[in-house]
Amino acid sequence: MASVAEVRAAVDAALQQVTEGQAAIQAAREKLGEAQQSLAAALDGSAHDAVGAAHASLSQADQQLEECLGATLLAIEQAQTYTATL
């Protein structure tokens, strides 16, 4: 059976991985934003349905990544609440 210190250390290591994942998610959101701006500039004035669909898809991806960040924040809070009870 692991000691309290070992459990806390393992949770801290996991939370570090979550933090790294959050940074990757944020970087992905930034890249998607850049891609959306580039797409808008390249297709300025186009009324083709595919253009609107592409913009909508990129917006949806950004929203889902934002939701993912929120979920990771909740996971961190829950893990910290648990370790505080040890």
C-alpha atoms as a PDB file:
ATOM      1  CA  MET A   1       0.000   0.000   0.000  1.00  0.00           C
ATOM      2  CA  ALA A   2       1.344   3.423  -0.972  1.00  0.00           C
ATOM      3  CA  SER A   3       2.084   6.015   1.663  1.00  0.00           C
ATOM      4  CA  VAL A   4       0.305   9.370   1.719  1.00  0.00           C
ATOM      5  CA  ALA A   5       3.462  11.053   0.458  1.00  0.00           C
ATOM      6  CA  GLU A   6       3.683   8.598  -2.442  1.00  0.00           C
ATOM      7  CA  VAL A   7       0.044   9.164  -3.357  1.00  0.00           C
ATOM      8  CA  ARG A   8       0.497  12.946  -3.253  1.00  0.00           C
ATOM      9  CA  ALA A   9       3.634  12.695  -5.388  1.00  0.00           C
ATOM     10  CA  ALA A  10       1.826  10.525  -7.931  1.00  0.00           C
ATOM     11  CA  VAL A  11      -1.124  12.925  -8.053  1.00  0.00           C
ATOM     12  CA  ASP A  12       1.265  15.875  -8.461  1.00  0.00           C
ATOM     13  CA  ALA A  13       2.959  14.081 -11.360  1.00  0.00           C
ATOM     14  CA  ALA A  14      -0.396  13.421 -12.989  1.00  0.00           C
ATOM     15  CA  LEU A  15      -1.422  17.043 -12.525  1.00  0.00           C
ATOM     16  CA  GLN A  16       1.809  18.141 -14.201  1.00  0.00           C
ATOM     17  CA  GLN A  17       0.842  16.007 -17.177  1.00  0.00           C
ATOM     18  CA  VAL A  18      -2.602  17.638 -17.209  1.00  0.00           C
ATOM     19  CA  THR A  19      -0.963  21.060 -17.150  1.00  0.00           C
ATOM     20  CA  GLU A  20       1.198  20.078 -20.115  1.00  0.00           C
ATOM     21  CA  GLY A  21      -1.919  18.843 -21.896  1.00  0.00           C
ATOM     22  CA  GLN A  22      -3.632  22.166 -21.199  1.00  0.00           C
ATOM     23  CA  ALA A  23      -0.715  23.988 -22.818  1.00  0.00           C
ATOM     24  CA  ALA A  24      -1.029  21.751 -25.884  1.00  0.00           C
ATOM     25  CA  ILE A  25      -4.768  22.393 -26.064  1.00  0.00           C
ATOM     26  CA  GLN A  26      -4.212  26.139 -25.822  1.00  0.00           C
ATOM     27  CA  ALA A  27      -1.574  25.953 -28.563  1.00  0.00           C
ATOM     28  CA  ALA A  28      -4.028  24.010 -30.735  1.00  0.00           C
ATOM     29  CA  ARG A  29      -6.690  26.667 -30.163  1.00  0.00           C
ATOM     30  CA  GLU A  30      -4.240  29.376 -31.210  1.00  0.00           C
ATOM     31  CA  LYS A  31      -3.317  27.466 -34.374  1.00  0.00           C
ATOM     32  CA  LEU A  32      -6.982  26.952 -35.222  1.00  0.00           C
ATOM     33  CA  GLY A  33      -7.586  30.675 -34.772  1.00  0.00           C
ATOM     34  CA  GLU A  34      -4.700  31.442 -37.114  1.00  0.00           C
ATOM     35  CA  ALA A  35      -6.019  28.917 -39.626  1.00  0.00           C
ATOM     36  CA  GLN A  36      -9.474  30.454 -39.463  1.00  0.00           C
ATOM     37  CA  GLN A  37      -8.046  33.923 -40.130  1.00  0.00           C
ATOM     38  CA  SER A  38      -5.968  32.623 -43.037  1.00  0.00           C
ATOM     39  CA  LEU A  39      -8.966  30.829 -44.470  1.00  0.00           C
ATOM     40  CA  ALA A  40     -11.098  33.944 -44.140  1.00  0.00           C
ATOM     41  CA  ALA A  41      -8.463  36.023 -45.938  1.00  0.00           C
ATOM     42  CA  ALA A  42      -7.992  33.448 -48.687  1.00  0.00           C
ATOM     43  CA  LEU A  43     -11.696  32.999 -49.309  1.00  0.00           C
ATOM     44  CA  ASP A  44     -12.854  36.572 -48.727  1.00  0.00           C
ATOM     45  CA  GLY A  45     -15.990  37.286 -50.673  1.00  0.00           C
ATOM     46  CA  SER A  46     -16.815  33.670 -51.431  1.00  0.00           C
ATOM     47  CA  ALA A  47     -20.398  32.723 -50.755  1.00  0.00           C
ATOM     48  CA  HIS A  48     -19.883  29.018 -51.403  1.00  0.00           C
ATOM     49  CA  ASP A  49     -21.566  26.759 -48.871  1.00  0.00           C
ATOM     50  CA  ALA A  50     -18.312  24.881 -48.262  1.00  0.00           C
ATOM     51  CA  VAL A  51     -16.640  28.085 -47.057  1.00  0.00           C
ATOM     52  CA  GLY A  52     -19.317  28.654 -44.425  1.00  0.00           C
ATOM     53  CA  ALA A  53     -19.147  25.000 -43.422  1.00  0.00           C
ATOM     54  CA  ALA A  54     -15.369  25.199 -43.016  1.00  0.00           C
ATOM     55  CA  HIS A  55     -15.670  28.261 -40.794  1.00  0.00           C
ATOM     56  CA  ALA A  56     -18.397  26.604 -38.746  1.00  0.00           C
ATOM     57  CA  SER A  57     -16.299  23.467 -38.302  1.00  0.00           C
ATOM     58  CA  LEU A  58     -13.295  25.443 -37.113  1.00  0.00           C
ATOM     59  CA  SER A  59     -15.477  27.362 -34.677  1.00  0.00           C
ATOM     60  CA  GLN A  60     -16.931  24.118 -33.364  1.00  0.00           C
ATOM     61  CA  ALA A  61     -13.457  22.654 -32.917  1.00  0.00           C
ATOM     62  CA  ASP A  62     -12.389  25.729 -30.948  1.00  0.00           C
ATOM     63  CA  GLN A  63     -15.478  25.480 -28.737  1.00  0.00           C
ATOM     64  CA  GLN A  64     -14.815  21.811 -28.052  1.00  0.00           C
ATOM     65  CA  LEU A  65     -11.205  22.537 -27.144  1.00  0.00           C
ATOM     66  CA  GLU A  66     -12.426  25.246 -24.765  1.00  0.00           C
ATOM     67  CA  GLU A  67     -14.761  22.712 -23.164  1.00  0.00           C
ATOM     68  CA  CYS A  68     -11.830  20.321 -22.887  1.00  0.00           C
ATOM     69  CA  LEU A  69      -9.831  22.963 -21.028  1.00  0.00           C
ATOM     70  CA  GLY A  70     -12.744  23.427 -18.649  1.00  0.00           C
ATOM     71  CA  ALA A  71     -12.888  19.692 -18.014  1.00  0.00           C
ATOM     72  CA  THR A  72      -9.176  19.575 -17.235  1.00  0.00           C
ATOM     73  CA  LEU A  73      -9.545  22.449 -14.785  1.00  0.00           C
ATOM     74  CA  LEU A  74     -12.308  20.534 -13.018  1.00  0.00           C
ATOM     75  CA  ALA A  75     -10.144  17.421 -12.922  1.00  0.00           C
ATOM     76  CA  ILE A  76      -7.320  19.386 -11.317  1.00  0.00           C
ATOM     77  CA  GLU A  77      -9.671  20.845  -8.714  1.00  0.00           C
ATOM     78  CA  GLN A  78     -11.052  17.409  -7.861  1.00  0.00           C
ATOM     79  CA  ALA A  79      -7.591  15.870  -7.574  1.00  0.00           C
ATOM     80  CA  GLN A  80      -6.426  18.719  -5.349  1.00  0.00           C
ATOM     81  CA  THR A  81      -9.535  18.343  -3.190  1.00  0.00           C
ATOM     82  CA  TYR A  82      -8.740  14.662  -2.792  1.00  0.00           C
ATOM     83  CA  THR A  83      -5.101  15.196  -1.852  1.00  0.00           C
ATOM     84  CA  ALA A  84      -6.130  17.857   0.656  1.00  0.00           C
ATOM     85  CA  THR A  85      -8.095  15.190   2.511  1.00  0.00           C
ATOM     86  CA  LEU A  86      -5.106  12.871   2.838  1.00  0.00           C
END
